[in-house]
């Protein structure tokens, strides 16, 4: 419930609904960037708390793009009902800047991104589709946000709490402890799911050494970042996807386990096995 209550403040910042306190946050921490694209984690406790839980707002967040200056192209839900990174996983995997804004990627003659390598046949095909189906921003007004879990489009603490609870009781979480793998791996997975690995952020909470930031990306060092969104991790995932297929695209451990559960379920279903085995 505490997270759901804090998300109310995240919602107000996204809407620009605030007085002097919001002006101070925008001037000192955001510095012209939208909240979800801002990686500045140092500061007073309220700002640190906002940074810790802000991504949970994506459970019900929807963007209506105007000029694209407040919307992240790959990470924010603005294209119909699907994230662009999931619609075009191969292109997202080799894009240099995962947090690039729609406005920064849009040119008069089309989309422009920096990629880590040249395209293969699969990337060329995805690129052609992207240019056809993803519209360029054509308005001078700012982007708007809405809450898709509410008929009115307004944020609701109750609905946010219910959505967070549903995430916590995903059907594969409980069987993790019954899975046929070493206990230390089970503990590691549990710690990663709960963000309790002894990384920079957790060490700093316990007054340990370090400044809680990733030395490569200079953003908060949490499990999801180290294993999925760090530049070094993305390079390794790129090799994994090239070897095993683009369906292994994942933004965090929840995404990865859901993808693996779906793949295993399909294999068992095709072979006549029960999905409950």
Protein backbone atom coordinates (compact mmCIF):
# COMPACT_ATOMS: atom_id res chain seq x y z
CA UNK A 1 0.00 0.00 0.00
CA UNK A 2 2.91 2.36 0.73
CA UNK A 3 4.13 1.98 -2.86
CA UNK A 4 0.64 2.68 -4.22
CA UNK A 5 0.42 5.83 -2.09
CA UNK A 6 3.83 7.00 -3.28
CA UNK A 7 2.77 6.42 -6.89
CA UNK A 8 0.21 9.17 -6.36
CA UNK A 9 3.14 11.60 -6.09
CA UNK A 10 4.72 10.10 -9.21
CA UNK A 11 1.43 10.70 -11.02
CA UNK A 12 1.33 14.34 -9.90
CA UNK A 13 4.88 14.90 -11.13
CA UNK A 14 4.01 13.34 -14.50
CA UNK A 15 1.01 15.66 -14.79
CA UNK A 16 2.95 18.71 -13.62
CA UNK A 17 0.43 19.05 -10.82
CA UNK A 18 2.33 20.85 -8.07
CA UNK A 19 3.51 24.16 -6.75
CA UNK A 20 6.86 25.26 -5.41
CA UNK A 21 7.87 21.73 -4.38
CA UNK A 22 7.51 20.53 -7.99
CA UNK A 23 9.41 23.51 -9.35
CA UNK A 24 12.29 22.70 -7.01
CA UNK A 25 12.34 19.04 -8.07
CA UNK A 26 12.22 19.94 -11.77
CA UNK A 27 15.02 22.49 -11.41
CA UNK A 28 17.33 20.50 -9.14
CA UNK A 29 16.82 16.89 -10.24
CA UNK A 30 14.91 16.54 -13.50
CA UNK A 31 16.66 19.40 -15.33
CA UNK A 32 14.43 19.32 -18.39
CA UNK A 33 14.05 15.54 -18.56
CA UNK A 34 10.74 13.69 -18.05
CA UNK A 35 10.54 11.86 -14.72
CA UNK A 36 10.70 8.32 -16.11
CA UNK A 37 13.80 9.17 -18.16
CA UNK A 38 15.57 10.89 -15.26
CA UNK A 39 18.32 8.77 -13.67
CA UNK A 40 19.50 11.29 -11.06
CA UNK A 41 19.17 9.30 -7.82
CA UNK A 42 21.05 11.35 -5.24
CA UNK A 43 19.17 13.85 -3.11
CA UNK A 44 16.77 14.05 -0.21
CA UNK A 45 14.73 11.05 0.93
CA UNK A 46 11.49 11.96 -0.87
CA UNK A 47 13.25 12.12 -4.24
CA UNK A 48 15.10 8.84 -3.59
CA UNK A 49 11.77 7.17 -2.77
CA UNK A 50 10.24 8.51 -5.98
CA UNK A 51 13.16 7.14 -7.99
CA UNK A 52 12.90 3.73 -6.29
CA UNK A 53 9.24 3.14 -7.17
CA UNK A 54 8.52 5.35 -10.19
CA UNK A 55 8.70 2.51 -12.74
CA UNK A 56 5.75 0.77 -11.04
CA UNK A 57 3.50 3.48 -12.51
CA UNK A 58 3.96 1.78 -15.89
CA UNK A 59 1.48 -0.90 -14.78
CA UNK A 60 -1.35 1.38 -15.81
CA UNK A 61 0.32 4.29 -17.58
CA UNK A 62 -0.52 5.28 -21.15
CA UNK A 63 1.04 8.09 -23.19
CA UNK A 64 -0.68 10.16 -25.87
CA UNK A 65 2.16 11.61 -27.91
CA UNK A 66 2.07 15.25 -28.94
CA UNK A 67 5.55 16.57 -29.65
CA UNK A 68 7.21 13.50 -28.09
CA UNK A 69 9.30 15.46 -25.58
CA UNK A 70 8.07 13.53 -22.53
CA UNK A 71 7.84 10.00 -23.96
CA UNK A 72 10.61 7.39 -24.24
CA UNK A 73 10.43 5.68 -27.61
CA UNK A 74 11.31 2.12 -26.55
CA UNK A 75 10.24 2.02 -22.90
CA UNK A 76 7.00 3.98 -22.55
CA UNK A 77 3.57 2.59 -23.57
CA UNK A 78 2.54 5.00 -26.34
CA UNK A 79 2.08 2.88 -29.48
CA UNK A 80 -1.46 1.42 -29.29
CA UNK A 81 -1.37 -1.19 -26.49
CA UNK A 82 2.12 -2.57 -27.07
CA UNK A 83 5.58 -1.40 -26.07
CA UNK A 84 7.70 -0.57 -29.09
CA UNK A 85 10.59 -2.59 -27.68
CA UNK A 86 8.37 -5.68 -27.60
CA UNK A 87 6.97 -5.02 -31.06
CA UNK A 88 10.49 -4.66 -32.52
CA UNK A 89 12.77 -6.68 -30.19
CA UNK A 90 15.73 -7.02 -32.58
CA UNK A 91 16.00 -3.28 -33.18
CA UNK A 92 15.56 -2.49 -29.49
CA UNK A 93 18.30 -4.97 -28.56
CA UNK A 94 20.93 -3.20 -30.69
CA UNK A 95 19.85 0.41 -30.06
CA UNK A 96 22.51 2.43 -28.25
CA UNK A 97 20.09 4.53 -26.19
CA UNK A 98 17.14 2.62 -24.74
CA UNK A 99 15.83 5.79 -23.06
CA UNK A 100 15.80 7.93 -26.21
CA UNK A 101 12.82 10.28 -26.38
CA UNK A 102 10.34 10.21 -29.25
CA UNK A 103 11.16 13.84 -30.03
CA UNK A 104 14.91 13.11 -30.18
CA UNK A 105 14.46 10.15 -32.53
CA UNK A 106 12.01 11.86 -34.89
CA UNK A 107 13.34 13.77 -37.89
CA UNK A 108 11.36 15.41 -40.67
CA UNK A 109 12.14 12.57 -43.08
CA UNK A 110 11.70 9.67 -40.63
CA UNK A 111 13.08 7.95 -37.53
CA UNK A 112 16.75 8.18 -36.62
CA UNK A 113 18.54 5.98 -34.06
CA UNK A 114 22.12 5.07 -33.23
CA UNK A 115 22.62 1.29 -33.44
CA UNK A 116 25.59 -0.71 -32.17
CA UNK A 117 26.01 -2.69 -35.38
CA UNK A 118 24.76 -2.90 -38.94
CA UNK A 119 21.47 -4.63 -39.74
CA UNK A 120 21.08 -8.25 -40.70
CA UNK A 121 18.11 -9.49 -42.80
CA UNK A 122 15.83 -9.77 -39.72
CA UNK A 123 16.65 -6.24 -38.54
CA UNK A 124 16.10 -4.85 -42.05
CA UNK A 125 12.64 -6.41 -42.08
CA UNK A 126 11.77 -4.99 -38.66
CA UNK A 127 13.09 -1.57 -39.68
CA UNK A 128 10.89 -1.50 -42.77
CA UNK A 129 7.83 -2.40 -40.68
CA UNK A 130 8.71 0.18 -38.01
CA UNK A 131 8.92 2.97 -40.59
CA UNK A 132 5.50 2.00 -41.91
CA UNK A 133 3.52 1.49 -38.70
CA UNK A 134 5.09 3.86 -36.13
CA UNK A 135 3.83 7.40 -36.74
CA UNK A 136 6.05 10.45 -36.37
CA UNK A 137 4.89 13.04 -33.80
CA UNK A 138 2.92 15.68 -35.64
CA UNK A 139 1.88 18.13 -32.95
CA UNK A 140 3.44 21.02 -31.08
CA UNK A 141 1.56 20.32 -27.82
CA UNK A 142 3.08 18.39 -24.93
CA UNK A 143 2.49 14.68 -24.45
CA UNK A 144 -0.38 13.61 -22.22
CA UNK A 145 -0.58 10.74 -19.75
CA UNK A 146 -3.59 8.73 -18.66
CA UNK A 147 -4.28 5.84 -16.27
CA UNK A 148 -5.55 2.90 -18.30
CA UNK A 149 -6.80 0.96 -15.26
CA UNK A 150 -9.46 3.58 -14.52
CA UNK A 151 -12.43 4.41 -16.81
CA UNK A 152 -11.89 8.11 -16.09
CA UNK A 153 -8.20 7.94 -17.00
CA UNK A 154 -7.28 9.36 -13.57
CA UNK A 155 -4.86 7.67 -11.20
CA UNK A 156 -6.39 5.58 -8.43
CA UNK A 157 -4.45 4.38 -5.37
CA UNK A 158 -6.87 1.46 -4.96
CA UNK A 159 -6.43 0.27 -8.55
CA UNK A 160 -2.67 0.75 -8.33
CA UNK A 161 -2.58 -1.38 -5.17
CA UNK A 162 -4.63 -4.12 -6.84
CA UNK A 163 -2.32 -4.09 -9.88
CA UNK A 164 0.77 -4.31 -7.67
CA UNK A 165 -0.73 -7.24 -5.75
CA UNK A 166 -1.44 -9.08 -9.00
CA UNK A 167 2.21 -8.71 -9.99
CA UNK A 168 3.30 -10.18 -6.68
CA UNK A 169 1.17 -13.33 -7.03
CA UNK A 170 2.12 -14.38 -10.55
CA UNK A 171 1.61 -18.16 -10.83
CA UNK A 172 5.30 -18.99 -11.36
CA UNK A 173 6.55 -17.24 -8.21
CA UNK A 174 5.54 -19.95 -5.76
CA UNK A 175 6.93 -22.91 -7.78
CA UNK A 176 10.38 -21.27 -7.79
CA UNK A 177 11.08 -22.94 -4.43
CA UNK A 178 9.97 -26.33 -5.80
CA UNK A 179 11.99 -26.07 -9.01
CA UNK A 180 14.72 -28.72 -9.56
CA UNK A 181 17.71 -26.42 -9.12
CA UNK A 182 20.29 -25.76 -6.37
CA UNK A 183 19.08 -23.90 -3.30
CA UNK A 184 21.58 -21.09 -3.81
CA UNK A 185 20.06 -20.41 -7.26
CA UNK A 186 16.56 -20.30 -5.76
CA UNK A 187 17.74 -17.83 -3.13
CA UNK A 188 19.42 -15.71 -5.79
CA UNK A 189 16.24 -15.61 -7.90
CA UNK A 190 14.14 -14.71 -4.85
CA UNK A 191 16.55 -11.92 -3.89
CA UNK A 192 16.54 -10.59 -7.45
CA UNK A 193 12.73 -10.63 -7.62
CA UNK A 194 12.54 -8.74 -4.33
CA UNK A 195 15.46 -6.49 -5.24
CA UNK A 196 17.41 -7.64 -2.20
CA UNK A 197 20.76 -8.51 -3.79
CA UNK A 198 23.73 -6.88 -2.00
CA UNK A 199 24.33 -4.35 -4.77
CA UNK A 200 25.05 -0.62 -4.58
CA UNK A 201 21.58 0.55 -3.55
CA UNK A 202 21.14 -2.07 -0.82
CA UNK A 203 24.70 -1.60 0.46
CA UNK A 204 24.17 2.16 0.76
CA UNK A 205 20.96 1.60 2.74
CA UNK A 206 23.08 -0.25 5.28
CA UNK A 207 25.68 2.55 5.31
CA UNK A 208 28.21 0.47 3.41
CA UNK A 209 30.89 1.73 1.01
CA UNK A 210 30.16 3.14 -2.43
CA UNK A 211 27.73 5.67 -3.88
CA UNK A 212 24.98 3.20 -5.02
CA UNK A 213 25.52 3.90 -8.74
CA UNK A 214 26.60 1.63 -11.58
CA UNK A 215 30.21 2.55 -12.49
CA UNK A 216 29.42 2.07 -16.19
CA UNK A 217 26.02 3.75 -16.60
CA UNK A 218 26.00 6.06 -13.54
CA UNK A 219 22.44 5.09 -12.58
CA UNK A 220 21.21 3.33 -9.39
CA UNK A 221 22.84 -0.10 -9.10
CA UNK A 222 19.95 -2.53 -8.60
CA UNK A 223 19.56 -6.14 -9.70
CA UNK A 224 17.39 -5.38 -12.72
CA UNK A 225 19.93 -2.87 -14.01
CA UNK A 226 22.98 -5.09 -13.48
CA UNK A 227 21.44 -8.12 -15.19
CA UNK A 228 19.25 -6.53 -17.88
CA UNK A 229 19.57 -2.82 -18.62
CA UNK A 230 23.28 -2.09 -18.01
CA UNK A 231 25.30 -1.52 -21.18
CA UNK A 232 27.46 -4.53 -20.35
CA UNK A 233 24.41 -6.71 -19.70
CA UNK A 234 22.73 -5.59 -22.93
CA UNK A 235 25.81 -6.60 -24.90
CA UNK A 236 25.67 -10.09 -23.38
CA UNK A 237 21.91 -10.36 -23.99
CA UNK A 238 22.51 -9.37 -27.60
CA UNK A 239 24.75 -12.43 -28.04
CA UNK A 240 22.18 -14.62 -26.28
CA UNK A 241 19.38 -13.44 -28.59
CA UNK A 242 21.50 -13.92 -31.69
CA UNK A 243 22.31 -17.47 -30.58
CA UNK A 244 18.93 -18.54 -29.21
CA UNK A 245 16.39 -16.22 -30.87
CA UNK A 246 14.80 -12.79 -30.32
CA UNK A 247 12.04 -14.21 -28.11
CA UNK A 248 14.48 -14.04 -25.19
CA UNK A 249 14.06 -10.26 -25.14
CA UNK A 250 13.42 -9.19 -21.53
CA UNK A 251 13.41 -5.91 -19.64
CA UNK A 252 13.64 -7.51 -16.20
CA UNK A 253 13.43 -10.90 -14.49
CA UNK A 254 9.62 -10.86 -14.47
CA UNK A 255 9.59 -10.49 -18.27
CA UNK A 256 12.22 -13.21 -18.65
CA UNK A 257 10.39 -15.75 -16.47
CA UNK A 258 7.09 -15.04 -18.21
CA UNK A 259 8.72 -15.60 -21.61
CA UNK A 260 10.33 -18.84 -20.44
CA UNK A 261 7.09 -20.05 -18.85
CA UNK A 262 5.24 -19.39 -22.10
CA UNK A 263 7.85 -21.23 -24.16
CA UNK A 264 7.87 -24.24 -21.83
CA UNK A 265 4.06 -24.30 -21.80
CA UNK A 266 3.92 -24.32 -25.59
CA UNK A 267 6.44 -27.15 -25.84
CA UNK A 268 4.51 -29.28 -23.37
CA UNK A 269 1.20 -28.47 -24.99
CA UNK A 270 2.53 -29.49 -28.40
CA UNK A 271 3.85 -32.78 -27.06
CA UNK A 272 0.59 -33.63 -25.33
CA UNK A 273 1.84 -33.01 -21.81
CA UNK A 274 -0.31 -31.39 -19.17
CA UNK A 275 0.54 -27.74 -18.53
CA UNK A 276 0.25 -28.49 -14.82
CA UNK A 277 3.17 -30.96 -14.83
